[in-house]
All heavy atoms as atom14 arrays in JSON, in Angstrom:
{
  "sequence": "EHIVLWNVVLFSILLGIGMVEAMLCLSQVISGLCDIY",
  "atom14_mask": [
    [1, 1, 1, 1, 1, 1, 1, 1, 1, 0, 0, 0, 0, 0],
    [1, 1, 1, 1, 1, 1, 1, 1, 1, 1, 0, 0, 0, 0],
    [1, 1, 1, 1, 1, 1, 1, 1, 0, 0, 0, 0, 0, 0],
    [1, 1, 1, 1, 1, 1, 1, 0, 0, 0, 0, 0, 0, 0],
    [1, 1, 1, 1, 1, 1, 1, 1, 0, 0, 0, 0, 0, 0],
    [1, 1, 1, 1, 1, 1, 1, 1, 1, 1, 1, 1, 1, 1],
    [1, 1, 1, 1, 1, 1, 1, 1, 0, 0, 0, 0, 0, 0],
    [1, 1, 1, 1, 1, 1, 1, 0, 0, 0, 0, 0, 0, 0],
    [1, 1, 1, 1, 1, 1, 1, 0, 0, 0, 0, 0, 0, 0],
    [1, 1, 1, 1, 1, 1, 1, 1, 0, 0, 0, 0, 0, 0],
    [1, 1, 1, 1, 1, 1, 1, 1, 1, 1, 1, 0, 0, 0],
    [1, 1, 1, 1, 1, 1, 0, 0, 0, 0, 0, 0, 0, 0],
    [1, 1, 1, 1, 1, 1, 1, 1, 0, 0, 0, 0, 0, 0],
    [1, 1, 1, 1, 1, 1, 1, 1, 0, 0, 0, 0, 0, 0],
    [1, 1, 1, 1, 1, 1, 1, 1, 0, 0, 0, 0, 0, 0],
    [1, 1, 1, 1, 0, 0, 0, 0, 0, 0, 0, 0, 0, 0],
    [1, 1, 1, 1, 1, 1, 1, 1, 0, 0, 0, 0, 0, 0],
    [1, 1, 1, 1, 0, 0, 0, 0, 0, 0, 0, 0, 0, 0],
    [1, 1, 1, 1, 1, 1, 1, 1, 0, 0, 0, 0, 0, 0],
    [1, 1, 1, 1, 1, 1, 1, 0, 0, 0, 0, 0, 0, 0],
    [1, 1, 1, 1, 1, 1, 1, 1, 1, 0, 0, 0, 0, 0],
    [1, 1, 1, 1, 1, 0, 0, 0, 0, 0, 0, 0, 0, 0],
    [1, 1, 1, 1, 1, 1, 1, 1, 0, 0, 0, 0, 0, 0],
    [1, 1, 1, 1, 1, 1, 1, 1, 0, 0, 0, 0, 0, 0],
    [1, 1, 1, 1, 1, 1, 0, 0, 0, 0, 0, 0, 0, 0],
    [1, 1, 1, 1, 1, 1, 1, 1, 0, 0, 0, 0, 0, 0],
    [1, 1, 1, 1, 1, 1, 0, 0, 0, 0, 0, 0, 0, 0],
    [1, 1, 1, 1, 1, 1, 1, 1, 1, 0, 0, 0, 0, 0],
    [1, 1, 1, 1, 1, 1, 1, 0, 0, 0, 0, 0, 0, 0],
    [1, 1, 1, 1, 1, 1, 1, 1, 0, 0, 0, 0, 0, 0],
    [1, 1, 1, 1, 1, 1, 0, 0, 0, 0, 0, 0, 0, 0],
    [1, 1, 1, 1, 0, 0, 0, 0, 0, 0, 0, 0, 0, 0],
    [1, 1, 1, 1, 1, 1, 1, 1, 0, 0, 0, 0, 0, 0],
    [1, 1, 1, 1, 1, 1, 0, 0, 0, 0, 0, 0, 0, 0],
    [1, 1, 1, 1, 1, 1, 1, 1, 0, 0, 0, 0, 0, 0],
    [1, 1, 1, 1, 1, 1, 1, 1, 0, 0, 0, 0, 0, 0],
    [1, 1, 1, 1, 1, 1, 1, 1, 1, 1, 1, 1, 0, 0]
  ],
  "atom14_positions": [
    [[-4.34, 69.49, 7.45], [-5.06, 70.53, 6.74], [-5.7, 69.88, 5.52], [-5.12, 69.1, 4.8], [-4.09, 71.63, 6.28], [-4.72, 72.85, 5.69], [-3.73, 73.98, 5.39], [-2.55, 73.74, 5.57], [-4.22, 74.99, 4.89], [0.0, 0.0, 0.0], [0.0, 0.0, 0.0], [0.0, 0.0, 0.0], [0.0, 0.0, 0.0], [0.0, 0.0, 0.0]],
    [[-7.01, 70.25, 5.31], [-7.79, 69.81, 4.16], [-7.96, 68.29, 4.15], [-8.1, 67.65, 3.09], [-7.19, 70.26, 2.84], [-6.97, 71.74, 2.73], [-8.02, 72.66, 2.88], [-5.85, 72.46, 2.49], [-7.51, 73.9, 2.73], [-6.22, 73.78, 2.49], [0.0, 0.0, 0.0], [0.0, 0.0, 0.0], [0.0, 0.0, 0.0], [0.0, 0.0, 0.0]],
    [[-7.89, 67.64, 5.32], [-8.03, 66.23, 5.42], [-9.34, 65.7, 4.95], [-9.45, 64.67, 4.33], [-7.71, 65.72, 6.86], [-7.81, 64.2, 6.89], [-8.63, 66.41, 7.83], [-6.86, 63.47, 6.08], [0.0, 0.0, 0.0], [0.0, 0.0, 0.0], [0.0, 0.0, 0.0], [0.0, 0.0, 0.0], [0.0, 0.0, 0.0], [0.0, 0.0, 0.0]],
    [[-10.42, 66.5, 5.2], [-11.75, 66.04, 4.79], [-11.86, 65.99, 3.29], [-12.34, 65.01, 2.71], [-12.84, 66.97, 5.39], [-14.22, 66.49, 4.97], [-12.73, 66.96, 6.93], [0.0, 0.0, 0.0], [0.0, 0.0, 0.0], [0.0, 0.0, 0.0], [0.0, 0.0, 0.0], [0.0, 0.0, 0.0], [0.0, 0.0, 0.0], [0.0, 0.0, 0.0]],
    [[-11.47, 67.07, 2.63], [-11.48, 67.09, 1.16], [-10.63, 66.04, 0.56], [-11.03, 65.37, -0.44], [-11.03, 68.5, 0.67], [-11.02, 68.71, -0.85], [-12.42, 68.54, -1.4], [-10.43, 70.08, -1.2], [0.0, 0.0, 0.0], [0.0, 0.0, 0.0], [0.0, 0.0, 0.0], [0.0, 0.0, 0.0], [0.0, 0.0, 0.0], [0.0, 0.0, 0.0]],
    [[-9.46, 65.83, 1.15], [-8.53, 64.77, 0.64], [-9.19, 63.42, 0.68], [-9.15, 62.64, -0.29], [-7.26, 64.8, 1.53], [-6.16, 63.95, 1.02], [-5.92, 62.63, 1.34], [-5.1, 64.32, 0.14], [-4.8, 62.17, 0.71], [-4.26, 63.16, -0.02], [-4.74, 65.5, -0.49], [-3.1, 63.23, -0.8], [-3.62, 65.54, -1.3], [-2.81, 64.39, -1.45]],
    [[-9.83, 63.08, 1.8], [-10.47, 61.76, 1.95], [-11.67, 61.63, 1.05], [-11.86, 60.56, 0.45], [-10.86, 61.51, 3.41], [-9.76, 60.9, 4.24], [-8.55, 61.13, 3.93], [-10.06, 60.18, 5.26], [0.0, 0.0, 0.0], [0.0, 0.0, 0.0], [0.0, 0.0, 0.0], [0.0, 0.0, 0.0], [0.0, 0.0, 0.0], [0.0, 0.0, 0.0]],
    [[-12.48, 62.68, 0.97], [-13.68, 62.62, 0.13], [-13.33, 62.38, -1.29], [-13.94, 61.53, -1.99], [-14.53, 63.9, 0.31], [-15.62, 63.97, -0.74], [-15.13, 63.95, 1.71], [0.0, 0.0, 0.0], [0.0, 0.0, 0.0], [0.0, 0.0, 0.0], [0.0, 0.0, 0.0], [0.0, 0.0, 0.0], [0.0, 0.0, 0.0], [0.0, 0.0, 0.0]],
    [[-12.37, 63.08, -1.82], [-12.03, 62.97, -3.25], [-11.43, 61.56, -3.52], [-11.85, 60.9, -4.49], [-10.97, 64.04, -3.64], [-10.42, 63.79, -5.05], [-11.61, 65.42, -3.61], [0.0, 0.0, 0.0], [0.0, 0.0, 0.0], [0.0, 0.0, 0.0], [0.0, 0.0, 0.0], [0.0, 0.0, 0.0], [0.0, 0.0, 0.0], [0.0, 0.0, 0.0]],
    [[-10.52, 61.12, -2.71], [-9.84, 59.81, -2.99], [-10.78, 58.67, -2.77], [-10.79, 57.69, -3.56], [-8.58, 59.71, -2.13], [-7.44, 60.67, -2.52], [-6.27, 60.47, -1.55], [-6.97, 60.41, -3.95], [0.0, 0.0, 0.0], [0.0, 0.0, 0.0], [0.0, 0.0, 0.0], [0.0, 0.0, 0.0], [0.0, 0.0, 0.0], [0.0, 0.0, 0.0]],
    [[-11.6, 58.66, -1.71], [-12.52, 57.6, -1.48], [-13.6, 57.57, -2.57], [-14.07, 56.51, -2.99], [-13.16, 57.69, -0.08], [-12.37, 57.07, 1.0], [-11.85, 57.84, 2.0], [-12.18, 55.71, 1.06], [-11.13, 57.25, 3.04], [-11.52, 55.1, 2.07], [-10.95, 55.9, 3.08], [0.0, 0.0, 0.0], [0.0, 0.0, 0.0], [0.0, 0.0, 0.0]],
    [[-13.93, 58.78, -3.07], [-14.94, 58.8, -4.18], [-14.35, 58.23, -5.46], [-15.03, 57.51, -6.17], [-15.39, 60.25, -4.42], [-16.04, 60.78, -3.3], [0.0, 0.0, 0.0], [0.0, 0.0, 0.0], [0.0, 0.0, 0.0], [0.0, 0.0, 0.0], [0.0, 0.0, 0.0], [0.0, 0.0, 0.0], [0.0, 0.0, 0.0], [0.0, 0.0, 0.0]],
    [[-13.06, 58.53, -5.7], [-12.42, 57.99, -6.86], [-12.35, 56.43, -6.78], [-12.65, 55.72, -7.75], [-10.99, 58.52, -7.03], [-11.05, 60.01, -7.41], [-10.19, 57.74, -8.06], [-9.72, 60.71, -7.45], [0.0, 0.0, 0.0], [0.0, 0.0, 0.0], [0.0, 0.0, 0.0], [0.0, 0.0, 0.0], [0.0, 0.0, 0.0], [0.0, 0.0, 0.0]],
    [[-12.0, 55.95, -5.62], [-11.94, 54.48, -5.43], [-13.33, 53.83, -5.56], [-13.45, 52.71, -6.06], [-11.33, 54.15, -4.08], [-9.77, 54.38, -3.99], [-9.32, 54.3, -2.54], [-9.04, 53.37, -4.84], [0.0, 0.0, 0.0], [0.0, 0.0, 0.0], [0.0, 0.0, 0.0], [0.0, 0.0, 0.0], [0.0, 0.0, 0.0], [0.0, 0.0, 0.0]],
    [[-14.36, 54.55, -5.05], [-15.7, 54.03, -5.19], [-16.12, 53.93, -6.64], [-16.68, 52.89, -7.05], [-16.63, 54.98, -4.46], [-18.14, 54.65, -4.53], [-18.45, 53.26, -3.93], [-19.0, 55.71, -3.84], [0.0, 0.0, 0.0], [0.0, 0.0, 0.0], [0.0, 0.0, 0.0], [0.0, 0.0, 0.0], [0.0, 0.0, 0.0], [0.0, 0.0, 0.0]],
    [[-15.81, 54.94, -7.43], [-16.15, 54.89, -8.83], [-15.36, 53.82, -9.59], [-15.92, 53.1, -10.46], [0.0, 0.0, 0.0], [0.0, 0.0, 0.0], [0.0, 0.0, 0.0], [0.0, 0.0, 0.0], [0.0, 0.0, 0.0], [0.0, 0.0, 0.0], [0.0, 0.0, 0.0], [0.0, 0.0, 0.0], [0.0, 0.0, 0.0], [0.0, 0.0, 0.0]],
    [[-14.07, 53.74, -9.29], [-13.25, 52.67, -9.91], [-13.76, 51.28, -9.6], [-13.86, 50.46, -10.5], [-11.8, 52.83, -9.48], [-11.14, 54.08, -10.07], [-10.98, 51.59, -9.89], [-9.74, 54.34, -9.62], [0.0, 0.0, 0.0], [0.0, 0.0, 0.0], [0.0, 0.0, 0.0], [0.0, 0.0, 0.0], [0.0, 0.0, 0.0], [0.0, 0.0, 0.0]],
    [[-14.11, 51.08, -8.34], [-14.64, 49.75, -7.95], [-15.92, 49.4, -8.7], [-16.13, 48.24, -9.07], [0.0, 0.0, 0.0], [0.0, 0.0, 0.0], [0.0, 0.0, 0.0], [0.0, 0.0, 0.0], [0.0, 0.0, 0.0], [0.0, 0.0, 0.0], [0.0, 0.0, 0.0], [0.0, 0.0, 0.0], [0.0, 0.0, 0.0], [0.0, 0.0, 0.0]],
    [[-16.78, 50.37, -8.84], [-18.06, 50.1, -9.51], [-17.87, 49.77, -10.97], [-18.47, 48.84, -11.49], [-19.0, 51.36, -9.38], [-19.45, 51.65, -7.96], [-20.44, 53.13, -7.82], [-21.89, 52.67, -8.74], [0.0, 0.0, 0.0], [0.0, 0.0, 0.0], [0.0, 0.0, 0.0], [0.0, 0.0, 0.0], [0.0, 0.0, 0.0], [0.0, 0.0, 0.0]],
    [[-17.0, 50.49, -11.67], [-16.72, 50.22, -13.09], [-16.06, 48.82, -13.19], [-16.45, 48.03, -14.1], [-15.84, 51.32, -13.72], [-15.45, 50.95, -15.11], [-16.6, 52.67, -13.67], [0.0, 0.0, 0.0], [0.0, 0.0, 0.0], [0.0, 0.0, 0.0], [0.0, 0.0, 0.0], [0.0, 0.0, 0.0], [0.0, 0.0, 0.0], [0.0, 0.0, 0.0]],
    [[-15.09, 48.56, -12.35], [-14.46, 47.24, -12.42], [-15.4, 46.1, -12.14], [-15.32, 45.04, -12.8], [-13.28, 47.21, -11.38], [-12.08, 48.04, -11.78], [-11.02, 47.95, -10.7], [-11.31, 47.53, -9.57], [-9.86, 48.29, -11.04], [0.0, 0.0, 0.0], [0.0, 0.0, 0.0], [0.0, 0.0, 0.0], [0.0, 0.0, 0.0], [0.0, 0.0, 0.0]],
    [[-16.29, 46.26, -11.19], [-17.27, 45.28, -10.88], [-18.15, 44.96, -12.07], [-18.45, 43.79, -12.4], [-18.13, 45.66, -9.68], [0.0, 0.0, 0.0], [0.0, 0.0, 0.0], [0.0, 0.0, 0.0], [0.0, 0.0, 0.0], [0.0, 0.0, 0.0], [0.0, 0.0, 0.0], [0.0, 0.0, 0.0], [0.0, 0.0, 0.0], [0.0, 0.0, 0.0]],
    [[-18.62, 46.03, -12.79], [-19.46, 45.79, -13.94], [-18.68, 45.09, -15.09], [-19.23, 44.19, -15.75], [-20.02, 47.13, -14.44], [-21.03, 47.75, -13.5], [-21.86, 49.2, -14.19], [-20.44, 50.37, -14.2], [0.0, 0.0, 0.0], [0.0, 0.0, 0.0], [0.0, 0.0, 0.0], [0.0, 0.0, 0.0], [0.0, 0.0, 0.0], [0.0, 0.0, 0.0]],
    [[-17.45, 45.5, -15.33], [-16.66, 44.87, -16.37], [-16.38, 43.39, -16.1], [-16.51, 42.56, -16.94], [-15.33, 45.62, -16.53], [-15.44, 47.06, -17.19], [-14.07, 47.71, -17.19], [-15.99, 46.95, -18.59], [0.0, 0.0, 0.0], [0.0, 0.0, 0.0], [0.0, 0.0, 0.0], [0.0, 0.0, 0.0], [0.0, 0.0, 0.0], [0.0, 0.0, 0.0]],
    [[-15.97, 43.12, -14.82], [-15.64, 41.75, -14.48], [-16.9, 40.88, -14.45], [-16.87, 39.74, -14.9], [-14.97, 41.69, -13.09], [-13.28, 42.36, -13.05], [0.0, 0.0, 0.0], [0.0, 0.0, 0.0], [0.0, 0.0, 0.0], [0.0, 0.0, 0.0], [0.0, 0.0, 0.0], [0.0, 0.0, 0.0], [0.0, 0.0, 0.0], [0.0, 0.0, 0.0]],
    [[-18.03, 41.42, -14.03], [-19.28, 40.71, -13.98], [-19.69, 40.38, -15.41], [-20.24, 39.29, -15.68], [-20.35, 41.47, -13.29], [-21.67, 40.77, -13.07], [-21.5, 39.48, -12.23], [-22.65, 41.68, -12.32], [0.0, 0.0, 0.0], [0.0, 0.0, 0.0], [0.0, 0.0, 0.0], [0.0, 0.0, 0.0], [0.0, 0.0, 0.0], [0.0, 0.0, 0.0]],
    [[-19.52, 41.29, -16.34], [-19.87, 41.04, -17.74], [-19.01, 39.88, -18.31], [-19.49, 39.08, -19.08], [-19.65, 42.3, -18.58], [-18.31, 42.67, -18.68], [0.0, 0.0, 0.0], [0.0, 0.0, 0.0], [0.0, 0.0, 0.0], [0.0, 0.0, 0.0], [0.0, 0.0, 0.0], [0.0, 0.0, 0.0], [0.0, 0.0, 0.0], [0.0, 0.0, 0.0]],
    [[-17.74, 39.82, -17.87], [-16.9, 38.72, -18.31], [-17.35, 37.4, -17.72], [-17.24, 36.35, -18.36], [-15.43, 38.99, -17.92], [-14.79, 40.15, -18.7], [-14.73, 39.91, -20.18], [-14.27, 38.89, -20.63], [-15.2, 40.87, -20.92], [0.0, 0.0, 0.0], [0.0, 0.0, 0.0], [0.0, 0.0, 0.0], [0.0, 0.0, 0.0], [0.0, 0.0, 0.0]],
    [[-17.85, 37.4, -16.48], [-18.4, 36.2, -15.86], [-19.59, 35.72, -16.64], [-19.7, 34.52, -16.98], [-18.74, 36.48, -14.42], [-19.45, 35.26, -13.81], [-17.48, 36.81, -13.55], [0.0, 0.0, 0.0], [0.0, 0.0, 0.0], [0.0, 0.0, 0.0], [0.0, 0.0, 0.0], [0.0, 0.0, 0.0], [0.0, 0.0, 0.0], [0.0, 0.0, 0.0]],
    [[-20.51, 36.61, -16.97], [-21.71, 36.23, -17.68], [-21.39, 35.75, -19.06], [-21.9, 34.71, -19.52], [-22.72, 37.42, -17.77], [-23.15, 37.82, -16.36], [-23.9, 37.08, -18.61], [-23.97, 39.07, -16.32], [0.0, 0.0, 0.0], [0.0, 0.0, 0.0], [0.0, 0.0, 0.0], [0.0, 0.0, 0.0], [0.0, 0.0, 0.0], [0.0, 0.0, 0.0]],
    [[-20.48, 36.43, -19.74], [-20.06, 35.99, -21.08], [-19.4, 34.58, -21.05], [-19.67, 33.75, -21.91], [-19.09, 37.03, -21.67], [-18.57, 36.57, -22.91], [0.0, 0.0, 0.0], [0.0, 0.0, 0.0], [0.0, 0.0, 0.0], [0.0, 0.0, 0.0], [0.0, 0.0, 0.0], [0.0, 0.0, 0.0], [0.0, 0.0, 0.0], [0.0, 0.0, 0.0]],
    [[-18.54, 34.4, -20.04], [-17.88, 33.1, -19.95], [-18.82, 31.97, -19.65], [-18.71, 30.86, -20.19], [0.0, 0.0, 0.0], [0.0, 0.0, 0.0], [0.0, 0.0, 0.0], [0.0, 0.0, 0.0], [0.0, 0.0, 0.0], [0.0, 0.0, 0.0], [0.0, 0.0, 0.0], [0.0, 0.0, 0.0], [0.0, 0.0, 0.0], [0.0, 0.0, 0.0]],
    [[-19.82, 32.23, -18.78], [-20.8, 31.17, -18.46], [-21.66, 30.86, -19.67], [-22.02, 29.68, -19.88], [-21.66, 31.65, -17.3], [-20.99, 31.74, -15.9], [-21.94, 32.29, -14.87], [-20.44, 30.39, -15.46], [0.0, 0.0, 0.0], [0.0, 0.0, 0.0], [0.0, 0.0, 0.0], [0.0, 0.0, 0.0], [0.0, 0.0, 0.0], [0.0, 0.0, 0.0]],
    [[-21.95, 31.84, -20.47], [-22.72, 31.6, -21.72], [-21.9, 30.76, -22.66], [-22.41, 29.82, -23.29], [-23.15, 32.89, -22.36], [-24.41, 33.82, -21.47], [0.0, 0.0, 0.0], [0.0, 0.0, 0.0], [0.0, 0.0, 0.0], [0.0, 0.0, 0.0], [0.0, 0.0, 0.0], [0.0, 0.0, 0.0], [0.0, 0.0, 0.0], [0.0, 0.0, 0.0]],
    [[-20.59, 31.04, -22.76], [-19.7, 30.24, -23.62], [-19.69, 28.76, -23.14], [-19.68, 27.86, -23.95], [-18.33, 30.78, -23.65], [-18.23, 32.14, -24.42], [-19.18, 32.37, -25.21], [-17.31, 32.93, -24.2], [0.0, 0.0, 0.0], [0.0, 0.0, 0.0], [0.0, 0.0, 0.0], [0.0, 0.0, 0.0], [0.0, 0.0, 0.0], [0.0, 0.0, 0.0]],
    [[-19.58, 28.59, -21.84], [-19.51, 27.26, -21.29], [-20.83, 26.49, -21.49], [-20.88, 25.32, -21.9], [-19.21, 27.26, -19.78], [-17.76, 27.82, -19.59], [-19.3, 25.88, -19.16], [-17.4, 28.0, -18.12], [0.0, 0.0, 0.0], [0.0, 0.0, 0.0], [0.0, 0.0, 0.0], [0.0, 0.0, 0.0], [0.0, 0.0, 0.0], [0.0, 0.0, 0.0]],
    [[-21.97, 27.17, -21.29], [-23.25, 26.53, -21.42], [-23.61, 26.21, -22.83], [-24.09, 25.12, -23.16], [-24.38, 27.44, -20.81], [-25.74, 26.86, -20.89], [-26.11, 25.74, -20.13], [-26.68, 27.4, -21.77], [-27.39, 25.24, -20.2], [-27.93, 26.91, -21.85], [-28.3, 25.81, -21.06], [-29.55, 25.28, -21.16], [0.0, 0.0, 0.0], [0.0, 0.0, 0.0]]
  ]
}
């Protein structure tokens, strides 16, 4: 019961978390490369 709503909400949360994490980690990569250079 309500399997569609369950999947949509949780997969959407994971999608949003992944996008924010990717931006934060990528910013650390760029910052670190600038420090090295």
